[in-house]
Amino acid sequence: MQGFTALGTVTSGVPYQKKWTGTEVRAWVLDAEYQSTRLVPIRPLIANLGFISNPKYWGMAFRRSFFALDAQDFALLETAMKQVQA
């Protein structure tokens, strides 16, 4: 399933390289504080997310890797990710 898996707020604006435990992979990261959330499928949200300019090619929006969300998109995702599953 393709979806949103984490909700966090960047706490430092200084990127640094981090080596992932058990691998030789080094990636650029930013420190962030993460909230307790649930996984949310992306497909039901595509039409309502402003950063997706063409729903047919919605995956292109994520090719930017790290990008900021506007307040409306953040609120939509935060609400969906914090909903308690029945």
PDB file of N, CA and C in Angstrom:
ATOM      1  N   MET A   1       0.845  -1.180   0.000  1.00  0.00           N
ATOM      2  CA  MET A   1       0.000   0.000   0.000  1.00  0.00           C
ATOM      3  C   MET A   1       0.888   1.239   0.000  1.00  0.00           C
ATOM      4  N   GLN A   2       0.514   2.221  -0.782  1.00  0.00           N
ATOM      5  CA  GLN A   2       1.219   3.489  -0.810  1.00  0.00           C
ATOM      6  C   GLN A   2       0.496   4.431   0.127  1.00  0.00           C
ATOM      7  N   GLY A   3       1.240   5.005   1.074  1.00  0.00           N
ATOM      8  CA  GLY A   3       0.579   5.860   2.037  1.00  0.00           C
ATOM      9  C   GLY A   3       1.549   6.694   2.829  1.00  0.00           C
ATOM     10  N   PHE A   4       0.982   7.480   3.705  1.00  0.00           N
ATOM     11  CA  PHE A   4       1.753   8.324   4.608  1.00  0.00           C
ATOM     12  C   PHE A   4       2.022   7.529   5.875  1.00  0.00           C
ATOM     13  N   THR A   5       3.283   7.456   6.268  1.00  0.00           N
ATOM     14  CA  THR A   5       3.681   6.586   7.369  1.00  0.00           C
ATOM     15  C   THR A   5       4.121   7.320   8.620  1.00  0.00           C
ATOM     16  N   ALA A   6       4.453   8.598   8.500  1.00  0.00           N
ATOM     17  CA  ALA A   6       4.944   9.345   9.653  1.00  0.00           C
ATOM     18  C   ALA A   6       4.564  10.808   9.509  1.00  0.00           C
ATOM     19  N   LEU A   7       4.421  11.466  10.643  1.00  0.00           N
ATOM     20  CA  LEU A   7       4.078  12.886  10.673  1.00  0.00           C
ATOM     21  C   LEU A   7       5.044  13.565  11.621  1.00  0.00           C
ATOM     22  N   GLY A   8       5.878  14.429  11.079  1.00  0.00           N
ATOM     23  CA  GLY A   8       6.881  15.069  11.919  1.00  0.00           C
ATOM     24  C   GLY A   8       7.076  16.525  11.579  1.00  0.00           C
ATOM     25  N   THR A   9       7.701  17.224  12.503  1.00  0.00           N
ATOM     26  CA  THR A   9       8.050  18.629  12.320  1.00  0.00           C
ATOM     27  C   THR A   9       9.559  18.747  12.426  1.00  0.00           C
ATOM     28  N   VAL A  10      10.178  19.347  11.433  1.00  0.00           N
ATOM     29  CA  VAL A  10      11.627  19.528  11.438  1.00  0.00           C
ATOM     30  C   VAL A  10      12.004  20.446  12.598  1.00  0.00           C
ATOM     31  N   THR A  11      13.007  20.013  13.378  1.00  0.00           N
ATOM     32  CA  THR A  11      13.422  20.785  14.553  1.00  0.00           C
ATOM     33  C   THR A  11      14.747  21.502  14.359  1.00  0.00           C
ATOM     34  N   SER A  12      15.465  21.181  13.285  1.00  0.00           N
ATOM     35  CA  SER A  12      16.696  21.910  12.981  1.00  0.00           C
ATOM     36  C   SER A  12      16.780  22.096  11.478  1.00  0.00           C
ATOM     37  N   GLY A  13      17.298  23.214  11.070  1.00  0.00           N
ATOM     38  CA  GLY A  13      17.406  23.496   9.648  1.00  0.00           C
ATOM     39  C   GLY A  13      18.760  23.145   9.075  1.00  0.00           C
ATOM     40  N   VAL A  14      19.559  22.395   9.826  1.00  0.00           N
ATOM     41  CA  VAL A  14      20.906  22.072   9.387  1.00  0.00           C
ATOM     42  C   VAL A  14      20.990  20.596   9.004  1.00  0.00           C
ATOM     43  N   PRO A  15      21.064  20.282   7.712  1.00  0.00           N
ATOM     44  CA  PRO A  15      21.175  18.883   7.306  1.00  0.00           C
ATOM     45  C   PRO A  15      22.548  18.317   7.663  1.00  0.00           C
ATOM     46  N   TYR A  16      22.571  17.024   7.959  1.00  0.00           N
ATOM     47  CA  TYR A  16      23.838  16.347   8.238  1.00  0.00           C
ATOM     48  C   TYR A  16      23.744  14.924   7.725  1.00  0.00           C
ATOM     49  N   GLN A  17      24.908  14.300   7.522  1.00  0.00           N
ATOM     50  CA  GLN A  17      24.921  12.923   7.031  1.00  0.00           C
ATOM     51  C   GLN A  17      24.854  11.951   8.192  1.00  0.00           C
ATOM     52  N   LYS A  18      24.048  10.905   7.996  1.00  0.00           N
ATOM     53  CA  LYS A  18      23.865   9.884   9.013  1.00  0.00           C
ATOM     54  C   LYS A  18      24.082   8.524   8.366  1.00  0.00           C
ATOM     55  N   LYS A  19      24.838   7.672   9.045  1.00  0.00           N
ATOM     56  CA  LYS A  19      25.038   6.308   8.562  1.00  0.00           C
ATOM     57  C   LYS A  19      23.961   5.443   9.192  1.00  0.00           C
ATOM     58  N   TRP A  20      23.225   4.702   8.349  1.00  0.00           N
ATOM     59  CA  TRP A  20      22.164   3.844   8.838  1.00  0.00           C
ATOM     60  C   TRP A  20      22.764   2.583   9.443  1.00  0.00           C
ATOM     61  N   THR A  21      22.323   2.256  10.620  1.00  0.00           N
ATOM     62  CA  THR A  21      22.830   1.111  11.364  1.00  0.00           C
ATOM     63  C   THR A  21      22.769  -0.167  10.541  1.00  0.00           C
ATOM     64  N   GLY A  22      23.868  -0.904  10.535  1.00  0.00           N
ATOM     65  CA  GLY A  22      23.923  -2.186   9.844  1.00  0.00           C
ATOM     66  C   GLY A  22      24.128  -2.095   8.346  1.00  0.00           C
ATOM     67  N   THR A  23      24.358  -0.887   7.826  1.00  0.00           N
ATOM     68  CA  THR A  23      24.572  -0.719   6.383  1.00  0.00           C
ATOM     69  C   THR A  23      25.742   0.229   6.164  1.00  0.00           C
ATOM     70  N   GLU A  24      26.094   0.387   4.916  1.00  0.00           N
ATOM     71  CA  GLU A  24      27.105   1.380   4.547  1.00  0.00           C
ATOM     72  C   GLU A  24      26.445   2.648   3.987  1.00  0.00           C
ATOM     73  N   VAL A  25      25.123   2.685   4.037  1.00  0.00           N
ATOM     74  CA  VAL A  25      24.363   3.800   3.474  1.00  0.00           C
ATOM     75  C   VAL A  25      24.510   5.034   4.360  1.00  0.00           C
ATOM     76  N   ARG A  26      24.845   6.145   3.710  1.00  0.00           N
ATOM     77  CA  ARG A  26      24.904   7.442   4.388  1.00  0.00           C
ATOM     78  C   ARG A  26      23.917   8.361   3.677  1.00  0.00           C
ATOM     79  N   ALA A  27      23.016   8.947   4.430  1.00  0.00           N
ATOM     80  CA  ALA A  27      21.992   9.810   3.846  1.00  0.00           C
ATOM     81  C   ALA A  27      21.996  11.167   4.545  1.00  0.00           C
ATOM     82  N   TRP A  28      21.561  12.182   3.830  1.00  0.00           N
ATOM     83  CA  TRP A  28      21.401  13.502   4.431  1.00  0.00           C
ATOM     84  C   TRP A  28      20.068  13.532   5.162  1.00  0.00           C
ATOM     85  N   VAL A  29      20.073  13.998   6.398  1.00  0.00           N
ATOM     86  CA  VAL A  29      18.865  14.023   7.218  1.00  0.00           C
ATOM     87  C   VAL A  29      18.739  15.361   7.942  1.00  0.00           C
ATOM     88  N   LEU A  30      17.537  15.620   8.421  1.00  0.00           N
ATOM     89  CA  LEU A  30      17.255  16.747   9.303  1.00  0.00           C
ATOM     90  C   LEU A  30      16.645  16.176  10.572  1.00  0.00           C
ATOM     91  N   ASP A  31      16.925  16.785  11.711  1.00  0.00           N
ATOM     92  CA  ASP A  31      16.296  16.342  12.950  1.00  0.00           C
ATOM     93  C   ASP A  31      14.813  16.702  12.912  1.00  0.00           C
ATOM     94  N   ALA A  32      13.990  15.824  13.475  1.00  0.00           N
ATOM     95  CA  ALA A  32      12.547  16.054  13.486  1.00  0.00           C
ATOM     96  C   ALA A  32      11.934  15.418  14.725  1.00  0.00           C
ATOM     97  N   GLU A  33      10.797  15.970  15.139  1.00  0.00           N
ATOM     98  CA  GLU A  33       9.991  15.387  16.204  1.00  0.00           C
ATOM     99  C   GLU A  33       8.783  14.743  15.541  1.00  0.00           C
ATOM    100  N   TYR A  34       8.562  13.465  15.848  1.00  0.00           N
ATOM    101  CA  TYR A  34       7.477  12.722  15.220  1.00  0.00           C
ATOM    102  C   TYR A  34       6.317  12.530  16.185  1.00  0.00           C
ATOM    103  N   GLN A  35       5.114  12.571  15.623  1.00  0.00           N
ATOM    104  CA  GLN A  35       3.895  12.374  16.399  1.00  0.00           C
ATOM    105  C   GLN A  35       3.436  10.917  16.270  1.00  0.00           C
ATOM    106  N   SER A  36       2.662  10.478  17.228  1.00  0.00           N
ATOM    107  CA  SER A  36       2.092   9.134  17.176  1.00  0.00           C
ATOM    108  C   SER A  36       0.922   9.159  16.193  1.00  0.00           C
ATOM    109  N   THR A  37       1.029   8.358  15.131  1.00  0.00           N
ATOM    110  CA  THR A  37       0.011   8.359  14.073  1.00  0.00           C
ATOM    111  C   THR A  37      -0.201   6.946  13.544  1.00  0.00           C
ATOM    112  N   ARG A  38      -1.174   6.827  12.639  1.00  0.00           N
ATOM    113  CA  ARG A  38      -1.421   5.567  11.953  1.00  0.00           C
ATOM    114  C   ARG A  38      -1.098   5.757  10.478  1.00  0.00           C
ATOM    115  N   LEU A  39      -0.848   4.654   9.780  1.00  0.00           N
ATOM    116  CA  LEU A  39      -0.612   4.696   8.345  1.00  0.00           C
ATOM    117  C   LEU A  39      -1.905   5.087   7.633  1.00  0.00           C
ATOM    118  N   VAL A  40      -1.807   5.996   6.664  1.00  0.00           N
ATOM    119  CA  VAL A  40      -2.980   6.459   5.915  1.00  0.00           C
ATOM    120  C   VAL A  40      -2.726   6.262   4.426  1.00  0.00           C
ATOM    121  N   PRO A  41      -3.591   5.520   3.734  1.00  0.00           N
ATOM    122  CA  PRO A  41      -3.438   5.338   2.282  1.00  0.00           C
ATOM    123  C   PRO A  41      -3.540   6.683   1.561  1.00  0.00           C
ATOM    124  N   ILE A  42      -2.723   6.869   0.535  1.00  0.00           N
ATOM    125  CA  ILE A  42      -2.711   8.147  -0.171  1.00  0.00           C
ATOM    126  C   ILE A  42      -3.861   8.293  -1.164  1.00  0.00           C
ATOM    127  N   ARG A  43      -4.256   7.222  -1.820  1.00  0.00           N
ATOM    128  CA  ARG A  43      -5.229   7.343  -2.918  1.00  0.00           C
ATOM    129  C   ARG A  43      -6.515   8.083  -2.553  1.00  0.00           C
ATOM    130  N   PRO A  44      -7.130   7.849  -1.390  1.00  0.00           N
ATOM    131  CA  PRO A  44      -8.351   8.600  -1.070  1.00  0.00           C
ATOM    132  C   PRO A  44      -8.116  10.105  -0.839  1.00  0.00           C
ATOM    133  N   LEU A  45      -6.859  10.503  -0.638  1.00  0.00           N
ATOM    134  CA  LEU A  45      -6.557  11.906  -0.335  1.00  0.00           C
ATOM    135  C   LEU A  45      -6.068  12.703  -1.538  1.00  0.00           C
ATOM    136  N   ILE A  46      -5.709  12.038  -2.622  1.00  0.00           N
ATOM    137  CA  ILE A  46      -5.071  12.702  -3.764  1.00  0.00           C
ATOM    138  C   ILE A  46      -5.822  13.937  -4.242  1.00  0.00           C
ATOM    139  N   ALA A  47      -7.121  13.851  -4.404  1.00  0.00           N
ATOM    140  CA  ALA A  47      -7.910  14.969  -4.948  1.00  0.00           C
ATOM    141  C   ALA A  47      -7.932  16.175  -4.011  1.00  0.00           C
ATOM    142  N   ASN A  48      -7.645  15.971  -2.730  1.00  0.00           N
ATOM    143  CA  ASN A  48      -7.736  17.064  -1.756  1.00  0.00           C
ATOM    144  C   ASN A  48      -6.389  17.670  -1.363  1.00  0.00           C
ATOM    145  N   LEU A  49      -5.307  17.138  -1.883  1.00  0.00           N
ATOM    146  CA  LEU A  49      -3.976  17.643  -1.527  1.00  0.00           C
ATOM    147  C   LEU A  49      -3.509  18.669  -2.548  1.00  0.00           C
ATOM    148  N   GLY A  50      -3.252  19.884  -2.086  1.00  0.00           N
ATOM    149  CA  GLY A  50      -2.873  20.978  -2.968  1.00  0.00           C
ATOM    150  C   GLY A  50      -1.515  20.821  -3.628  1.00  0.00           C
ATOM    151  N   PHE A  51      -0.596  20.072  -3.007  1.00  0.00           N
ATOM    152  CA  PHE A  51       0.736  19.938  -3.605  1.00  0.00           C
ATOM    153  C   PHE A  51       0.758  18.935  -4.757  1.00  0.00           C
ATOM    154  N   ILE A  52      -0.359  18.251  -4.991  1.00  0.00           N
ATOM    155  CA  ILE A  52      -0.473  17.339  -6.136  1.00  0.00           C
ATOM    156  C   ILE A  52      -1.195  18.088  -7.251  1.00  0.00           C
ATOM    157  N   SER A  53      -0.436  18.473  -8.274  1.00  0.00           N
ATOM    158  CA  SER A  53      -1.013  19.307  -9.335  1.00  0.00           C
ATOM    159  C   SER A  53      -1.765  18.489 -10.385  1.00  0.00           C
ATOM    160  N   ASN A  54      -1.403  17.222 -10.586  1.00  0.00           N
ATOM    161  CA  ASN A  54      -2.069  16.385 -11.571  1.00  0.00           C
ATOM    162  C   ASN A  54      -2.355  15.027 -10.934  1.00  0.00           C
ATOM    163  N   PRO A  55      -3.605  14.762 -10.561  1.00  0.00           N
ATOM    164  CA  PRO A  55      -3.930  13.503  -9.892  1.00  0.00           C
ATOM    165  C   PRO A  55      -3.534  12.246 -10.671  1.00  0.00           C
ATOM    166  N   LYS A  56      -3.512  12.325 -11.995  1.00  0.00           N
ATOM    167  CA  LYS A  56      -3.123  11.164 -12.792  1.00  0.00           C
ATOM    168  C   LYS A  56      -1.659  10.797 -12.541  1.00  0.00           C
ATOM    169  N   TYR A  57      -0.829  11.804 -12.298  1.00  0.00           N
ATOM    170  CA  TYR A  57       0.602  11.597 -12.071  1.00  0.00           C
ATOM    171  C   TYR A  57       0.981  12.037 -10.658  1.00  0.00           C
ATOM    172  N   TRP A  58       0.181  11.655  -9.690  1.00  0.00           N
ATOM    173  CA  TRP A  58       0.365  12.108  -8.312  1.00  0.00           C
ATOM    174  C   TRP A  58       1.734  11.769  -7.748  1.00  0.00           C
ATOM    175  N   GLY A  59       2.350  10.706  -8.195  1.00  0.00           N
ATOM    176  CA  GLY A  59       3.651  10.306  -7.658  1.00  0.00           C
ATOM    177  C   GLY A  59       4.760  11.296  -7.951  1.00  0.00           C
ATOM    178  N   MET A  60       4.604  12.095  -8.992  1.00  0.00           N
ATOM    179  CA  MET A  60       5.628  13.081  -9.342  1.00  0.00           C
ATOM    180  C   MET A  60       5.839  14.108  -8.229  1.00  0.00           C
ATOM    181  N   ALA A  61       4.810  14.390  -7.466  1.00  0.00           N
ATOM    182  CA  ALA A  61       4.935  15.371  -6.380  1.00  0.00           C
ATOM    183  C   ALA A  61       5.964  14.932  -5.348  1.00  0.00           C
ATOM    184  N   PHE A  62       6.191  13.635  -5.211  1.00  0.00           N
ATOM    185  CA  PHE A  62       7.105  13.116  -4.203  1.00  0.00           C
ATOM    186  C   PHE A  62       8.531  12.966  -4.708  1.00  0.00           C
ATOM    187  N   ARG A  63       8.758  13.213  -5.963  1.00  0.00           N
ATOM    188  CA  ARG A  63      10.112  13.118  -6.506  1.00  0.00           C
ATOM    189  C   ARG A  63      10.997  14.243  -5.984  1.00  0.00           C
ATOM    190  N   ARG A  64      10.389  15.232  -5.347  1.00  0.00           N
ATOM    191  CA  ARG A  64      11.155  16.345  -4.774  1.00  0.00           C
ATOM    192  C   ARG A  64      11.833  15.931  -3.483  1.00  0.00           C
ATOM    193  N   SER A  65      11.491  14.775  -2.963  1.00  0.00           N
ATOM    194  CA  SER A  65      12.038  14.255  -1.720  1.00  0.00           C
ATOM    195  C   SER A  65      11.532  15.078  -0.537  1.00  0.00           C
ATOM    196  N   PHE A  66      12.274  16.052  -0.096  1.00  0.00           N
ATOM    197  CA  PHE A  66      11.912  16.860   1.068  1.00  0.00           C
ATOM    198  C   PHE A  66      11.259  18.148   0.594  1.00  0.00           C
ATOM    199  N   PHE A  67      10.033  18.422   1.060  1.00  0.00           N
ATOM    200  CA  PHE A  67       9.367  19.670   0.702  1.00  0.00           C
ATOM    201  C   PHE A  67       8.383  20.043   1.805  1.00  0.00           C
ATOM    202  N   ALA A  68       8.080  21.310   1.898  1.00  0.00           N
ATOM    203  CA  ALA A  68       7.165  21.815   2.920  1.00  0.00           C
ATOM    204  C   ALA A  68       5.719  21.712   2.430  1.00  0.00           C
ATOM    205  N   LEU A  69       4.824  21.455   3.362  1.00  0.00           N
ATOM    206  CA  LEU A  69       3.394  21.446   3.069  1.00  0.00           C
ATOM    207  C   LEU A  69       2.787  22.764   3.516  1.00  0.00           C
ATOM    208  N   ASP A  70       1.756  23.222   2.809  1.00  0.00           N
ATOM    209  CA  ASP A  70       1.047  24.403   3.304  1.00  0.00           C
ATOM    210  C   ASP A  70       0.153  23.960   4.468  1.00  0.00           C
ATOM    211  N   ALA A  71      -0.385  24.918   5.185  1.00  0.00           N
ATOM    212  CA  ALA A  71      -1.153  24.632   6.401  1.00  0.00           C
ATOM    213  C   ALA A  71      -2.376  23.759   6.121  1.00  0.00           C
ATOM    214  N   GLN A  72      -3.034  23.962   4.994  1.00  0.00           N
ATOM    215  CA  GLN A  72      -4.241  23.195   4.663  1.00  0.00           C
ATOM    216  C   GLN A  72      -3.901  21.721   4.416  1.00  0.00           C
ATOM    217  N   ASP A  73      -2.856  21.456   3.635  1.00  0.00           N
ATOM    218  CA  ASP A  73      -2.454  20.074   3.379  1.00  0.00           C
ATOM    219  C   ASP A  73      -1.983  19.390   4.666  1.00  0.00           C
ATOM    220  N   PHE A  74      -1.222  20.119   5.475  1.00  0.00           N
ATOM    221  CA  PHE A  74      -0.745  19.543   6.737  1.00  0.00           C
ATOM    222  C   PHE A  74      -1.924  19.180   7.638  1.00  0.00           C
ATOM    223  N   ALA A  75      -2.902  20.070   7.746  1.00  0.00           N
ATOM    224  CA  ALA A  75      -4.067  19.809   8.602  1.00  0.00           C
ATOM    225  C   ALA A  75      -4.846  18.588   8.103  1.00  0.00           C
ATOM    226  N   LEU A  76      -4.997  18.451   6.785  1.00  0.00           N
ATOM    227  CA  LEU A  76      -5.700  17.303   6.220  1.00  0.00           C
ATOM    228  C   LEU A  76      -4.986  15.999   6.584  1.00  0.00           C
ATOM    229  N   LEU A  77      -3.675  15.958   6.383  1.00  0.00           N
ATOM    230  CA  LEU A  77      -2.903  14.761   6.702  1.00  0.00           C
ATOM    231  C   LEU A  77      -2.875  14.485   8.189  1.00  0.00           C
ATOM    232  N   GLU A  78      -2.708  15.521   8.989  1.00  0.00           N
ATOM    233  CA  GLU A  78      -2.669  15.339  10.439  1.00  0.00           C
ATOM    234  C   GLU A  78      -3.986  14.764  10.956  1.00  0.00           C
ATOM    235  N   THR A  79      -5.093  15.288  10.471  1.00  0.00           N
ATOM    236  CA  THR A  79      -6.407  14.777  10.889  1.00  0.00           C
ATOM    237  C   THR A  79      -6.574  13.312  10.494  1.00  0.00           C
ATOM    238  N   ALA A  80      -6.228  12.984   9.252  1.00  0.00           N
ATOM    239  CA  ALA A  80      -6.369  11.606   8.789  1.00  0.00           C
ATOM    240  C   ALA A  80      -5.475  10.651   9.560  1.00  0.00           C
ATOM    241  N   MET A  81      -4.258  11.077   9.852  1.00  0.00           N
ATOM    242  CA  MET A  81      -3.289  10.192  10.508  1.00  0.00           C
ATOM    243  C   MET A  81      -3.547  10.018  12.000  1.00  0.00           C
ATOM    244  N   LYS A  82      -4.296  10.945  12.592  1.00  0.00           N
ATOM    245  CA  LYS A  82      -4.569  10.861  14.029  1.00  0.00           C
ATOM    246  C   LYS A  82      -5.930  10.258  14.327  1.00  0.00           C
ATOM    247  N   GLN A  83      -6.724   9.954  13.307  1.00  0.00           N
ATOM    248  CA  GLN A  83      -8.023   9.332  13.520  1.00  0.00           C
ATOM    249  C   GLN A  83      -7.832   7.957  14.135  1.00  0.00           C
ATOM    250  N   VAL A  84      -8.660   7.639  15.081  1.00  0.00           N
ATOM    251  CA  VAL A  84      -8.617   6.333  15.722  1.00  0.00           C
ATOM    252  C   VAL A  84      -9.371   5.356  14.830  1.00  0.00           C
ATOM    253  N   GLN A  85      -8.731   4.238  14.520  1.00  0.00           N
ATOM    254  CA  GLN A  85      -9.397   3.227  13.706  1.00  0.00           C
ATOM    255  C   GLN A  85     -10.412   2.471  14.530  1.00  0.00           C
ATOM    256  N   ALA A  86     -11.561   2.218  13.919  1.00  0.00           N
ATOM    257  CA  ALA A  86     -12.619   1.480  14.616  1.00  0.00           C
ATOM    258  C   ALA A  86     -12.380  -0.005  14.581  1.00  0.00           C
TER     259      ALA A  86
END
